[in-house]
Amino acid sequence: MTNTAYDTVQKYHQAWTSGDVDAAMEYVSDQISCRAPGVDLDGKDAYRGFIGGFAPMLTGIEDIAEFADGDRVALFYYPQTASTATTPAAEYFTVIAGKITESVLIFDRLSYGPPEQG
């Protein structure tokens, strides 16, 4: 059975959002490129470091919507952390030969900083 781009992205997303970054990286190309707020990442090691730095902060996740069209998949969700539970994030993936080769990640990075001291 052939996995679709949607299947690949779902497996990746479920792995990293449950804290298993190593399993998530099985679905990522060695030559991935990622555009994220404030940084462009090239290569699997850079991408692993970025995702691996955020994954431990997750306290939950609420899915909003997902769309797939051939080798492109978009996910919209609320990554919940100690700082926020309602700040949306979006990812737009390109999948080639069963591996994520490109990601555009959109979120308000200031919302994921430490909570304000009051």
PDB file of N, CA and C in Angstrom:
ATOM      1  N   MET A   1       0.839  -1.184   0.000  1.00  0.00           N
ATOM      2  CA  MET A   1       0.000   0.000   0.000  1.00  0.00           C
ATOM      3  C   MET A   1       0.881   1.244   0.000  1.00  0.00           C
ATOM      4  N   THR A   2       0.573   2.178  -0.869  1.00  0.00           N
ATOM      5  CA  THR A   2       1.341   3.412  -0.973  1.00  0.00           C
ATOM      6  C   THR A   2       0.774   4.459  -0.021  1.00  0.00           C
ATOM      7  N   ASN A   3       1.652   5.098   0.745  1.00  0.00           N
ATOM      8  CA  ASN A   3       1.236   6.194   1.600  1.00  0.00           C
ATOM      9  C   ASN A   3       1.100   7.458   0.780  1.00  0.00           C
ATOM     10  N   THR A   4       0.076   8.223   1.056  1.00  0.00           N
ATOM     11  CA  THR A   4      -0.107   9.509   0.397  1.00  0.00           C
ATOM     12  C   THR A   4       0.677  10.581   1.153  1.00  0.00           C
ATOM     13  N   ALA A   5       0.781  11.753   0.551  1.00  0.00           N
ATOM     14  CA  ALA A   5       1.411  12.884   1.236  1.00  0.00           C
ATOM     15  C   ALA A   5       0.680  13.169   2.543  1.00  0.00           C
ATOM     16  N   TYR A   6      -0.632  13.082   2.492  1.00  0.00           N
ATOM     17  CA  TYR A   6      -1.434  13.303   3.691  1.00  0.00           C
ATOM     18  C   TYR A   6      -1.060  12.304   4.791  1.00  0.00           C
ATOM     19  N   ASP A   7      -0.935  11.036   4.447  1.00  0.00           N
ATOM     20  CA  ASP A   7      -0.543  10.011   5.422  1.00  0.00           C
ATOM     21  C   ASP A   7       0.808  10.333   6.048  1.00  0.00           C
ATOM     22  N   THR A   8       1.758  10.709   5.206  1.00  0.00           N
ATOM     23  CA  THR A   8       3.105  11.035   5.685  1.00  0.00           C
ATOM     24  C   THR A   8       3.060  12.186   6.672  1.00  0.00           C
ATOM     25  N   VAL A   9       2.352  13.249   6.317  1.00  0.00           N
ATOM     26  CA  VAL A   9       2.276  14.428   7.193  1.00  0.00           C
ATOM     27  C   VAL A   9       1.561  14.084   8.492  1.00  0.00           C
ATOM     28  N   GLN A  10       0.500  13.303   8.425  1.00  0.00           N
ATOM     29  CA  GLN A  10      -0.212  12.918   9.642  1.00  0.00           C
ATOM     30  C   GLN A  10       0.682  12.122  10.595  1.00  0.00           C
ATOM     31  N   LYS A  11       1.440  11.177  10.063  1.00  0.00           N
ATOM     32  CA  LYS A  11       2.346  10.383  10.905  1.00  0.00           C
ATOM     33  C   LYS A  11       3.430  11.265  11.521  1.00  0.00           C
ATOM     34  N   TYR A  12       3.992  12.165  10.715  1.00  0.00           N
ATOM     35  CA  TYR A  12       4.994  13.111  11.207  1.00  0.00           C
ATOM     36  C   TYR A  12       4.409  13.963  12.340  1.00  0.00           C
ATOM     37  N   HIS A  13       3.251  14.552  12.076  1.00  0.00           N
ATOM     38  CA  HIS A  13       2.622  15.473  13.023  1.00  0.00           C
ATOM     39  C   HIS A  13       2.269  14.762  14.331  1.00  0.00           C
ATOM     40  N   GLN A  14       1.708  13.571  14.237  1.00  0.00           N
ATOM     41  CA  GLN A  14       1.358  12.815  15.440  1.00  0.00           C
ATOM     42  C   GLN A  14       2.601  12.462  16.255  1.00  0.00           C
ATOM     43  N   ALA A  15       3.696  12.148  15.566  1.00  0.00           N
ATOM     44  CA  ALA A  15       4.930  11.793  16.276  1.00  0.00           C
ATOM     45  C   ALA A  15       5.502  12.985  17.030  1.00  0.00           C
ATOM     46  N   TRP A  16       5.710  14.105  16.340  1.00  0.00           N
ATOM     47  CA  TRP A  16       6.385  15.219  17.028  1.00  0.00           C
ATOM     48  C   TRP A  16       5.501  15.845  18.081  1.00  0.00           C
ATOM     49  N   THR A  17       4.174  15.898  17.859  1.00  0.00           N
ATOM     50  CA  THR A  17       3.312  16.518  18.859  1.00  0.00           C
ATOM     51  C   THR A  17       3.103  15.628  20.072  1.00  0.00           C
ATOM     52  N   SER A  18       3.488  14.362  19.978  1.00  0.00           N
ATOM     53  CA  SER A  18       3.457  13.490  21.159  1.00  0.00           C
ATOM     54  C   SER A  18       4.850  13.379  21.785  1.00  0.00           C
ATOM     55  N   GLY A  19       5.807  14.169  21.272  1.00  0.00           N
ATOM     56  CA  GLY A  19       7.140  14.233  21.863  1.00  0.00           C
ATOM     57  C   GLY A  19       8.155  13.285  21.264  1.00  0.00           C
ATOM     58  N   ASP A  20       7.793  12.519  20.255  1.00  0.00           N
ATOM     59  CA  ASP A  20       8.728  11.568  19.649  1.00  0.00           C
ATOM     60  C   ASP A  20       9.354  12.173  18.396  1.00  0.00           C
ATOM     61  N   VAL A  21      10.299  13.058  18.603  1.00  0.00           N
ATOM     62  CA  VAL A  21      10.945  13.770  17.500  1.00  0.00           C
ATOM     63  C   VAL A  21      11.716  12.803  16.607  1.00  0.00           C
ATOM     64  N   ASP A  22      12.351  11.788  17.183  1.00  0.00           N
ATOM     65  CA  ASP A  22      13.079  10.817  16.364  1.00  0.00           C
ATOM     66  C   ASP A  22      12.148  10.115  15.376  1.00  0.00           C
ATOM     67  N   ALA A  23      10.978   9.692  15.844  1.00  0.00           N
ATOM     68  CA  ALA A  23      10.011   9.051  14.941  1.00  0.00           C
ATOM     69  C   ALA A  23       9.535  10.036  13.883  1.00  0.00           C
ATOM     70  N   ALA A  24       9.318  11.280  14.269  1.00  0.00           N
ATOM     71  CA  ALA A  24       8.875  12.294  13.310  1.00  0.00           C
ATOM     72  C   ALA A  24       9.900  12.487  12.199  1.00  0.00           C
ATOM     73  N   MET A  25      11.175  12.436  12.545  1.00  0.00           N
ATOM     74  CA  MET A  25      12.225  12.678  11.558  1.00  0.00           C
ATOM     75  C   MET A  25      12.317  11.567  10.509  1.00  0.00           C
ATOM     76  N   GLU A  26      11.708  10.416  10.776  1.00  0.00           N
ATOM     77  CA  GLU A  26      11.673   9.351   9.773  1.00  0.00           C
ATOM     78  C   GLU A  26      10.901   9.767   8.529  1.00  0.00           C
ATOM     79  N   TYR A  27      10.045  10.777   8.654  1.00  0.00           N
ATOM     80  CA  TYR A  27       9.209  11.243   7.547  1.00  0.00           C
ATOM     81  C   TYR A  27       9.758  12.503   6.892  1.00  0.00           C
ATOM     82  N   VAL A  28      10.949  12.923   7.296  1.00  0.00           N
ATOM     83  CA  VAL A  28      11.547  14.175   6.831  1.00  0.00           C
ATOM     84  C   VAL A  28      12.760  13.886   5.949  1.00  0.00           C
ATOM     85  N   SER A  29      12.830  14.562   4.819  1.00  0.00           N
ATOM     86  CA  SER A  29      13.965  14.433   3.903  1.00  0.00           C
ATOM     87  C   SER A  29      15.240  15.003   4.525  1.00  0.00           C
ATOM     88  N   ASP A  30      16.370  14.424   4.192  1.00  0.00           N
ATOM     89  CA  ASP A  30      17.655  14.965   4.645  1.00  0.00           C
ATOM     90  C   ASP A  30      17.869  16.389   4.140  1.00  0.00           C
ATOM     91  N   GLN A  31      17.258  16.729   3.023  1.00  0.00           N
ATOM     92  CA  GLN A  31      17.430  18.046   2.403  1.00  0.00           C
ATOM     93  C   GLN A  31      16.229  18.959   2.630  1.00  0.00           C
ATOM     94  N   ILE A  32      15.496  18.776   3.703  1.00  0.00           N
ATOM     95  CA  ILE A  32      14.329  19.614   3.953  1.00  0.00           C
ATOM     96  C   ILE A  32      14.717  21.088   4.023  1.00  0.00           C
ATOM     97  N   SER A  33      13.818  21.926   3.538  1.00  0.00           N
ATOM     98  CA  SER A  33      13.951  23.361   3.755  1.00  0.00           C
ATOM     99  C   SER A  33      12.685  23.821   4.468  1.00  0.00           C
ATOM    100  N   CYS A  34      12.861  24.699   5.434  1.00  0.00           N
ATOM    101  CA  CYS A  34      11.738  25.174   6.238  1.00  0.00           C
ATOM    102  C   CYS A  34      11.854  26.679   6.413  1.00  0.00           C
ATOM    103  N   ARG A  35      10.757  27.354   6.181  1.00  0.00           N
ATOM    104  CA  ARG A  35      10.650  28.779   6.498  1.00  0.00           C
ATOM    105  C   ARG A  35       9.762  28.892   7.718  1.00  0.00           C
ATOM    106  N   ALA A  36      10.278  29.532   8.747  1.00  0.00           N
ATOM    107  CA  ALA A  36       9.536  29.739   9.988  1.00  0.00           C
ATOM    108  C   ALA A  36       9.755  31.186  10.420  1.00  0.00           C
ATOM    109  N   PRO A  37       8.915  31.703  11.293  1.00  0.00           N
ATOM    110  CA  PRO A  37       9.101  33.084  11.736  1.00  0.00           C
ATOM    111  C   PRO A  37      10.512  33.329  12.277  1.00  0.00           C
ATOM    112  N   GLY A  38      11.224  34.207  11.639  1.00  0.00           N
ATOM    113  CA  GLY A  38      12.553  34.595  12.096  1.00  0.00           C
ATOM    114  C   GLY A  38      13.692  33.696  11.690  1.00  0.00           C
ATOM    115  N   VAL A  39      13.419  32.594  10.944  1.00  0.00           N
ATOM    116  CA  VAL A  39      14.507  31.680  10.610  1.00  0.00           C
ATOM    117  C   VAL A  39      14.162  30.854   9.365  1.00  0.00           C
ATOM    118  N   ASP A  40      15.161  30.644   8.547  1.00  0.00           N
ATOM    119  CA  ASP A  40      15.077  29.680   7.452  1.00  0.00           C
ATOM    120  C   ASP A  40      15.996  28.525   7.821  1.00  0.00           C
ATOM    121  N   LEU A  41      15.482  27.312   7.745  1.00  0.00           N
ATOM    122  CA  LEU A  41      16.241  26.130   8.129  1.00  0.00           C
ATOM    123  C   LEU A  41      16.503  25.276   6.901  1.00  0.00           C
ATOM    124  N   ASP A  42      17.723  24.805   6.764  1.00  0.00           N
ATOM    125  CA  ASP A  42      18.095  23.919   5.670  1.00  0.00           C
ATOM    126  C   ASP A  42      18.728  22.662   6.232  1.00  0.00           C
ATOM    127  N   GLY A  43      18.165  21.518   5.867  1.00  0.00           N
ATOM    128  CA  GLY A  43      18.710  20.235   6.281  1.00  0.00           C
ATOM    129  C   GLY A  43      18.011  19.666   7.498  1.00  0.00           C
ATOM    130  N   LYS A  44      18.043  18.366   7.570  1.00  0.00           N
ATOM    131  CA  LYS A  44      17.351  17.620   8.618  1.00  0.00           C
ATOM    132  C   LYS A  44      17.869  17.928  10.020  1.00  0.00           C
ATOM    133  N   ASP A  45      19.173  18.107  10.169  1.00  0.00           N
ATOM    134  CA  ASP A  45      19.721  18.381  11.504  1.00  0.00           C
ATOM    135  C   ASP A  45      19.211  19.709  12.056  1.00  0.00           C
ATOM    136  N   ALA A  46      19.194  20.745  11.216  1.00  0.00           N
ATOM    137  CA  ALA A  46      18.689  22.055  11.651  1.00  0.00           C
ATOM    138  C   ALA A  46      17.205  21.965  11.984  1.00  0.00           C
ATOM    139  N   TYR A  47      16.472  21.255  11.151  1.00  0.00           N
ATOM    140  CA  TYR A  47      15.032  21.104  11.354  1.00  0.00           C
ATOM    141  C   TYR A  47      14.747  20.317  12.634  1.00  0.00           C
ATOM    142  N   ARG A  48      15.497  19.240  12.851  1.00  0.00           N
ATOM    143  CA  ARG A  48      15.346  18.446  14.080  1.00  0.00           C
ATOM    144  C   ARG A  48      15.593  19.314  15.314  1.00  0.00           C
ATOM    145  N   GLY A  49      16.626  20.136  15.273  1.00  0.00           N
ATOM    146  CA  GLY A  49      16.917  21.013  16.402  1.00  0.00           C
ATOM    147  C   GLY A  49      15.791  21.988  16.688  1.00  0.00           C
ATOM    148  N   PHE A  50      15.207  22.518  15.626  1.00  0.00           N
ATOM    149  CA  PHE A  50      14.113  23.480  15.764  1.00  0.00           C
ATOM    150  C   PHE A  50      12.875  22.802  16.359  1.00  0.00           C
ATOM    151  N   ILE A  51      12.440  21.714  15.762  1.00  0.00           N
ATOM    152  CA  ILE A  51      11.260  20.990  16.245  1.00  0.00           C
ATOM    153  C   ILE A  51      11.529  20.397  17.630  1.00  0.00           C
ATOM    154  N   GLY A  52      12.731  19.848  17.809  1.00  0.00           N
ATOM    155  CA  GLY A  52      13.089  19.251  19.088  1.00  0.00           C
ATOM    156  C   GLY A  52      13.133  20.253  20.225  1.00  0.00           C
ATOM    157  N   GLY A  53      13.382  21.515  19.900  1.00  0.00           N
ATOM    158  CA  GLY A  53      13.387  22.558  20.925  1.00  0.00           C
ATOM    159  C   GLY A  53      11.988  22.955  21.371  1.00  0.00           C
ATOM    160  N   PHE A  54      11.025  22.799  20.468  1.00  0.00           N
ATOM    161  CA  PHE A  54       9.651  23.206  20.781  1.00  0.00           C
ATOM    162  C   PHE A  54       8.813  22.057  21.344  1.00  0.00           C
ATOM    163  N   ALA A  55       9.010  20.858  20.848  1.00  0.00           N
ATOM    164  CA  ALA A  55       8.159  19.722  21.224  1.00  0.00           C
ATOM    165  C   ALA A  55       8.033  19.529  22.740  1.00  0.00           C
ATOM    166  N   PRO A  56       9.097  19.662  23.534  1.00  0.00           N
ATOM    167  CA  PRO A  56       8.950  19.448  24.981  1.00  0.00           C
ATOM    168  C   PRO A  56       8.062  20.487  25.672  1.00  0.00           C
ATOM    169  N   MET A  57       7.830  21.622  25.022  1.00  0.00           N
ATOM    170  CA  MET A  57       6.987  22.656  25.623  1.00  0.00           C
ATOM    171  C   MET A  57       5.501  22.363  25.458  1.00  0.00           C
ATOM    172  N   LEU A  58       5.137  21.446  24.552  1.00  0.00           N
ATOM    173  CA  LEU A  58       3.727  21.160  24.312  1.00  0.00           C
ATOM    174  C   LEU A  58       3.071  20.521  25.526  1.00  0.00           C
ATOM    175  N   THR A  59       1.899  21.048  25.858  1.00  0.00           N
ATOM    176  CA  THR A  59       1.075  20.440  26.900  1.00  0.00           C
ATOM    177  C   THR A  59      -0.168  19.807  26.285  1.00  0.00           C
ATOM    178  N   GLY A  60      -0.404  20.100  25.023  1.00  0.00           N
ATOM    179  CA  GLY A  60      -1.543  19.550  24.303  1.00  0.00           C
ATOM    180  C   GLY A  60      -1.587  20.124  22.905  1.00  0.00           C
ATOM    181  N   ILE A  61      -2.543  19.669  22.134  1.00  0.00           N
ATOM    182  CA  ILE A  61      -2.717  20.176  20.770  1.00  0.00           C
ATOM    183  C   ILE A  61      -4.188  20.047  20.411  1.00  0.00           C
ATOM    184  N   GLU A  62      -4.704  21.069  19.755  1.00  0.00           N
ATOM    185  CA  GLU A  62      -6.081  21.036  19.280  1.00  0.00           C
ATOM    186  C   GLU A  62      -6.066  21.288  17.783  1.00  0.00           C
ATOM    187  N   ASP A  63      -6.518  20.318  17.036  1.00  0.00           N
ATOM    188  CA  ASP A  63      -6.560  20.458  15.586  1.00  0.00           C
ATOM    189  C   ASP A  63      -7.709  21.364  15.179  1.00  0.00           C
ATOM    190  N   ILE A  64      -7.464  22.177  14.147  1.00  0.00           N
ATOM    191  CA  ILE A  64      -8.487  23.079  13.618  1.00  0.00           C
ATOM    192  C   ILE A  64      -8.976  22.562  12.267  1.00  0.00           C
ATOM    193  N   ALA A  65      -8.038  22.405  11.321  1.00  0.00           N
ATOM    194  CA  ALA A  65      -8.409  21.982   9.971  1.00  0.00           C
ATOM    195  C   ALA A  65      -7.183  21.426   9.270  1.00  0.00           C
ATOM    196  N   GLU A  66      -7.431  20.677   8.206  1.00  0.00           N
ATOM    197  CA  GLU A  66      -6.345  20.143   7.382  1.00  0.00           C
ATOM    198  C   GLU A  66      -6.847  20.028   5.948  1.00  0.00           C
ATOM    199  N   PHE A  67      -5.924  20.256   5.026  1.00  0.00           N
ATOM    200  CA  PHE A  67      -6.249  20.192   3.608  1.00  0.00           C
ATOM    201  C   PHE A  67      -5.121  19.475   2.883  1.00  0.00           C
ATOM    202  N   ALA A  68      -5.476  18.676   1.890  1.00  0.00           N
ATOM    203  CA  ALA A  68      -4.471  17.972   1.100  1.00  0.00           C
ATOM    204  C   ALA A  68      -4.819  18.107  -0.371  1.00  0.00           C
ATOM    205  N   ASP A  69      -3.781  18.329  -1.170  1.00  0.00           N
ATOM    206  CA  ASP A  69      -3.942  18.402  -2.625  1.00  0.00           C
ATOM    207  C   ASP A  69      -2.689  17.805  -3.251  1.00  0.00           C
ATOM    208  N   GLY A  70      -2.748  16.534  -3.613  1.00  0.00           N
ATOM    209  CA  GLY A  70      -1.585  15.873  -4.214  1.00  0.00           C
ATOM    210  C   GLY A  70      -0.441  15.780  -3.235  1.00  0.00           C
ATOM    211  N   ASP A  71       0.696  16.387  -3.592  1.00  0.00           N
ATOM    212  CA  ASP A  71       1.884  16.312  -2.733  1.00  0.00           C
ATOM    213  C   ASP A  71       1.987  17.466  -1.744  1.00  0.00           C
ATOM    214  N   ARG A  72       0.921  18.228  -1.590  1.00  0.00           N
ATOM    215  CA  ARG A  72       0.914  19.364  -0.655  1.00  0.00           C
ATOM    216  C   ARG A  72      -0.167  19.167   0.394  1.00  0.00           C
ATOM    217  N   VAL A  73       0.197  19.460   1.644  1.00  0.00           N
ATOM    218  CA  VAL A  73      -0.711  19.283   2.780  1.00  0.00           C
ATOM    219  C   VAL A  73      -0.593  20.498   3.687  1.00  0.00           C
ATOM    220  N   ALA A  74      -1.725  21.004   4.151  1.00  0.00           N
ATOM    221  CA  ALA A  74      -1.748  22.122   5.097  1.00  0.00           C
ATOM    222  C   ALA A  74      -2.441  21.679   6.381  1.00  0.00           C
ATOM    223  N   LEU A  75      -1.848  22.036   7.503  1.00  0.00           N
ATOM    224  CA  LEU A  75      -2.435  21.765   8.819  1.00  0.00           C
ATOM    225  C   LEU A  75      -2.603  23.084   9.566  1.00  0.00           C
ATOM    226  N   PHE A  76      -3.701  23.206  10.269  1.00  0.00           N
ATOM    227  CA  PHE A  76      -3.970  24.358  11.128  1.00  0.00           C
ATOM    228  C   PHE A  76      -4.325  23.807  12.505  1.00  0.00           C
ATOM    229  N   TYR A  77      -3.700  24.333  13.555  1.00  0.00           N
ATOM    230  CA  TYR A  77      -3.917  23.772  14.888  1.00  0.00           C
ATOM    231  C   TYR A  77      -3.509  24.773  15.956  1.00  0.00           C
ATOM    232  N   TYR A  78      -3.890  24.470  17.189  1.00  0.00           N
ATOM    233  CA  TYR A  78      -3.483  25.245  18.364  1.00  0.00           C
ATOM    234  C   TYR A  78      -2.466  24.429  19.147  1.00  0.00           C
ATOM    235  N   PRO A  79      -1.177  24.768  19.062  1.00  0.00           N
ATOM    236  CA  PRO A  79      -0.206  24.101  19.933  1.00  0.00           C
ATOM    237  C   PRO A  79      -0.324  24.704  21.340  1.00  0.00           C
ATOM    238  N   GLN A  80      -0.639  23.905  22.307  1.00  0.00           N
ATOM    239  CA  GLN A  80      -0.865  24.394  23.657  1.00  0.00           C
ATOM    240  C   GLN A  80       0.407  24.233  24.486  1.00  0.00           C
ATOM    241  N   THR A  81       0.768  25.325  25.156  1.00  0.00           N
ATOM    242  CA  THR A  81       1.953  25.354  26.011  1.00  0.00           C
ATOM    243  C   THR A  81       1.575  26.042  27.324  1.00  0.00           C
ATOM    244  N   ALA A  82       2.538  26.189  28.220  1.00  0.00           N
ATOM    245  CA  ALA A  82       2.284  26.922  29.460  1.00  0.00           C
ATOM    246  C   ALA A  82       1.949  28.378  29.174  1.00  0.00           C
ATOM    247  N   SER A  83       2.384  28.886  28.004  1.00  0.00           N
ATOM    248  CA  SER A  83       2.166  30.293  27.662  1.00  0.00           C
ATOM    249  C   SER A  83       0.849  30.555  26.961  1.00  0.00           C
ATOM    250  N   THR A  84       0.358  29.595  26.175  1.00  0.00           N
ATOM    251  CA  THR A  84      -0.840  29.830  25.385  1.00  0.00           C
ATOM    252  C   THR A  84      -1.535  28.526  25.016  1.00  0.00           C
ATOM    253  N   ALA A  85      -2.836  28.621  24.890  1.00  0.00           N
ATOM    254  CA  ALA A  85      -3.619  27.476  24.409  1.00  0.00           C
ATOM    255  C   ALA A  85      -4.451  27.856  23.195  1.00  0.00           C
ATOM    256  N   THR A  86      -4.428  29.154  22.832  1.00  0.00           N
ATOM    257  CA  THR A  86      -5.318  29.618  21.766  1.00  0.00           C
ATOM    258  C   THR A  86      -4.603  30.351  20.644  1.00  0.00           C
ATOM    259  N   THR A  87      -3.293  30.274  20.590  1.00  0.00           N
ATOM    260  CA  THR A  87      -2.550  30.899  19.502  1.00  0.00           C
ATOM    261  C   THR A  87      -2.449  29.903  18.352  1.00  0.00           C
ATOM    262  N   PRO A  88      -3.042  30.218  17.191  1.00  0.00           N
ATOM    263  CA  PRO A  88      -3.028  29.248  16.096  1.00  0.00           C
ATOM    264  C   PRO A  88      -1.663  29.142  15.425  1.00  0.00           C
ATOM    265  N   ALA A  89      -1.439  27.993  14.838  1.00  0.00           N
ATOM    266  CA  ALA A  89      -0.253  27.746  14.015  1.00  0.00           C
ATOM    267  C   ALA A  89      -0.725  27.075  12.727  1.00  0.00           C
ATOM    268  N   ALA A  90       0.057  27.262  11.672  1.00  0.00           N
ATOM    269  CA  ALA A  90      -0.247  26.623  10.394  1.00  0.00           C
ATOM    270  C   ALA A  90       1.054  26.114   9.793  1.00  0.00           C
ATOM    271  N   GLU A  91       0.963  24.960   9.132  1.00  0.00           N
ATOM    272  CA  GLU A  91       2.110  24.403   8.416  1.00  0.00           C
ATOM    273  C   GLU A  91       1.644  23.983   7.027  1.00  0.00           C
ATOM    274  N   TYR A  92       2.495  24.256   6.060  1.00  0.00           N
ATOM    275  CA  TYR A  92       2.223  23.884   4.675  1.00  0.00           C
ATOM    276  C   TYR A  92       3.390  23.040   4.198  1.00  0.00           C
ATOM    277  N   PHE A  93       3.128  21.786   3.892  1.00  0.00           N
ATOM    278  CA  PHE A  93       4.166  20.813   3.573  1.00  0.00           C
ATOM    279  C   PHE A  93       4.153  20.428   2.103  1.00  0.00           C
ATOM    280  N   THR A  94       5.339  20.119   1.587  1.00  0.00           N
ATOM    281  CA  THR A  94       5.481  19.437   0.305  1.00  0.00           C
ATOM    282  C   THR A  94       6.116  18.090   0.595  1.00  0.00           C
ATOM    283  N   VAL A  95       5.525  17.031   0.045  1.00  0.00           N
ATOM    284  CA  VAL A  95       6.007  15.667   0.266  1.00  0.00           C
ATOM    285  C   VAL A  95       6.366  15.061  -1.083  1.00  0.00           C
ATOM    286  N   ILE A  96       7.590  14.569  -1.189  1.00  0.00           N
ATOM    287  CA  ILE A  96       8.056  13.903  -2.411  1.00  0.00           C
ATOM    288  C   ILE A  96       8.641  12.550  -2.016  1.00  0.00           C
ATOM    289  N   ALA A  97       8.198  11.512  -2.696  1.00  0.00           N
ATOM    290  CA  ALA A  97       8.674  10.143  -2.461  1.00  0.00           C
ATOM    291  C   ALA A  97       8.559   9.744  -0.985  1.00  0.00           C
ATOM    292  N   GLY A  98       7.461  10.143  -0.354  1.00  0.00           N
ATOM    293  CA  GLY A  98       7.205   9.731   1.020  1.00  0.00           C
ATOM    294  C   GLY A  98       7.946  10.500   2.092  1.00  0.00           C
ATOM    295  N   LYS A  99       8.645  11.580   1.710  1.00  0.00           N
ATOM    296  CA  LYS A  99       9.397  12.385   2.686  1.00  0.00           C
ATOM    297  C   LYS A  99       8.991  13.858   2.578  1.00  0.00           C
ATOM    298  N   ILE A 100       8.922  14.527   3.708  1.00  0.00           N
ATOM    299  CA  ILE A 100       8.641  15.956   3.735  1.00  0.00           C
ATOM    300  C   ILE A 100       9.894  16.683   3.272  1.00  0.00           C
ATOM    301  N   THR A 101       9.777  17.414   2.165  1.00  0.00           N
ATOM    302  CA  THR A 101      10.930  18.111   1.593  1.00  0.00           C
ATOM    303  C   THR A 101      10.889  19.608   1.839  1.00  0.00           C
ATOM    304  N   GLU A 102       9.708  20.115   2.154  1.00  0.00           N
ATOM    305  CA  GLU A 102       9.572  21.556   2.350  1.00  0.00           C
ATOM    306  C   GLU A 102       8.469  21.818   3.370  1.00  0.00           C
ATOM    307  N   SER A 103       8.696  22.810   4.211  1.00  0.00           N
ATOM    308  CA  SER A 103       7.705  23.206   5.208  1.00  0.00           C
ATOM    309  C   SER A 103       7.698  24.720   5.318  1.00  0.00           C
ATOM    310  N   VAL A 104       6.521  25.281   5.331  1.00  0.00           N
ATOM    311  CA  VAL A 104       6.338  26.693   5.666  1.00  0.00           C
ATOM    312  C   VAL A 104       5.525  26.692   6.953  1.00  0.00           C
ATOM    313  N   LEU A 105       6.091  27.240   8.007  1.00  0.00           N
ATOM    314  CA  LEU A 105       5.496  27.223   9.338  1.00  0.00           C
ATOM    315  C   LEU A 105       5.134  28.650   9.725  1.00  0.00           C
ATOM    316  N   ILE A 106       3.882  28.855  10.110  1.00  0.00           N
ATOM    317  CA  ILE A 106       3.400  30.193  10.440  1.00  0.00           C
ATOM    318  C   ILE A 106       2.827  30.173  11.849  1.00  0.00           C
ATOM    319  N   PHE A 107       3.347  31.057  12.699  1.00  0.00           N
ATOM    320  CA  PHE A 107       2.823  31.214  14.054  1.00  0.00           C
ATOM    321  C   PHE A 107       3.329  32.528  14.611  1.00  0.00           C
ATOM    322  N   ASP A 108       2.695  33.007  15.667  1.00  0.00           N
ATOM    323  CA  ASP A 108       3.116  34.222  16.356  1.00  0.00           C
ATOM    324  C   ASP A 108       4.126  33.825  17.428  1.00  0.00           C
ATOM    325  N   ARG A 109       5.402  33.947  17.103  1.00  0.00           N
ATOM    326  CA  ARG A 109       6.411  33.419  18.026  1.00  0.00           C
ATOM    327  C   ARG A 109       6.444  34.148  19.360  1.00  0.00           C
ATOM    328  N   LEU A 110       5.998  35.399  19.426  1.00  0.00           N
ATOM    329  CA  LEU A 110       5.975  36.104  20.704  1.00  0.00           C
ATOM    330  C   LEU A 110       4.977  35.478  21.684  1.00  0.00           C
ATOM    331  N   SER A 111       3.947  34.844  21.156  1.00  0.00           N
ATOM    332  CA  SER A 111       2.952  34.203  22.026  1.00  0.00           C
ATOM    333  C   SER A 111       3.512  32.979  22.740  1.00  0.00           C
ATOM    334  N   TYR A 112       4.621  32.452  22.264  1.00  0.00           N
ATOM    335  CA  TYR A 112       5.186  31.249  22.862  1.00  0.00           C
ATOM    336  C   TYR A 112       6.356  31.541  23.803  1.00  0.00           C
ATOM    337  N   GLY A 113       6.543  32.807  24.114  1.00  0.00           N
ATOM    338  CA  GLY A 113       7.584  33.187  25.062  1.00  0.00           C
ATOM    339  C   GLY A 113       7.113  32.909  26.479  1.00  0.00           C
ATOM    340  N   PRO A 114       7.973  33.177  27.435  1.00  0.00           N
ATOM    341  CA  PRO A 114       7.574  32.964  28.841  1.00  0.00           C
ATOM    342  C   PRO A 114       6.389  33.852  29.213  1.00  0.00           C
ATOM    343  N   PRO A 115       5.496  33.369  30.063  1.00  0.00           N
ATOM    344  CA  PRO A 115       4.362  34.194  30.500  1.00  0.00           C
ATOM    345  C   PRO A 115       4.874  35.454  31.187  1.00  0.00           C
ATOM    346  N   GLU A 116       4.102  36.531  31.044  1.00  0.00           N
ATOM    347  CA  GLU A 116       4.464  37.788  31.690  1.00  0.00           C
ATOM    348  C   GLU A 116       4.390  37.630  33.207  1.00  0.00           C
ATOM    349  N   GLN A 117       5.351  38.224  33.876  1.00  0.00           N
ATOM    350  CA  GLN A 117       5.367  38.199  35.333  1.00  0.00           C
ATOM    351  C   GLN A 117       4.450  39.331  35.817  1.00  0.00           C
ATOM    352  N   GLY A 118       3.595  39.044  36.775  1.00  0.00           N
ATOM    353  CA  GLY A 118       2.642  40.078  37.190  1.00  0.00           C
ATOM    354  C   GLY A 118       2.545  40.296  38.608  1.00  0.00           C
TER     355      GLY A 118
END
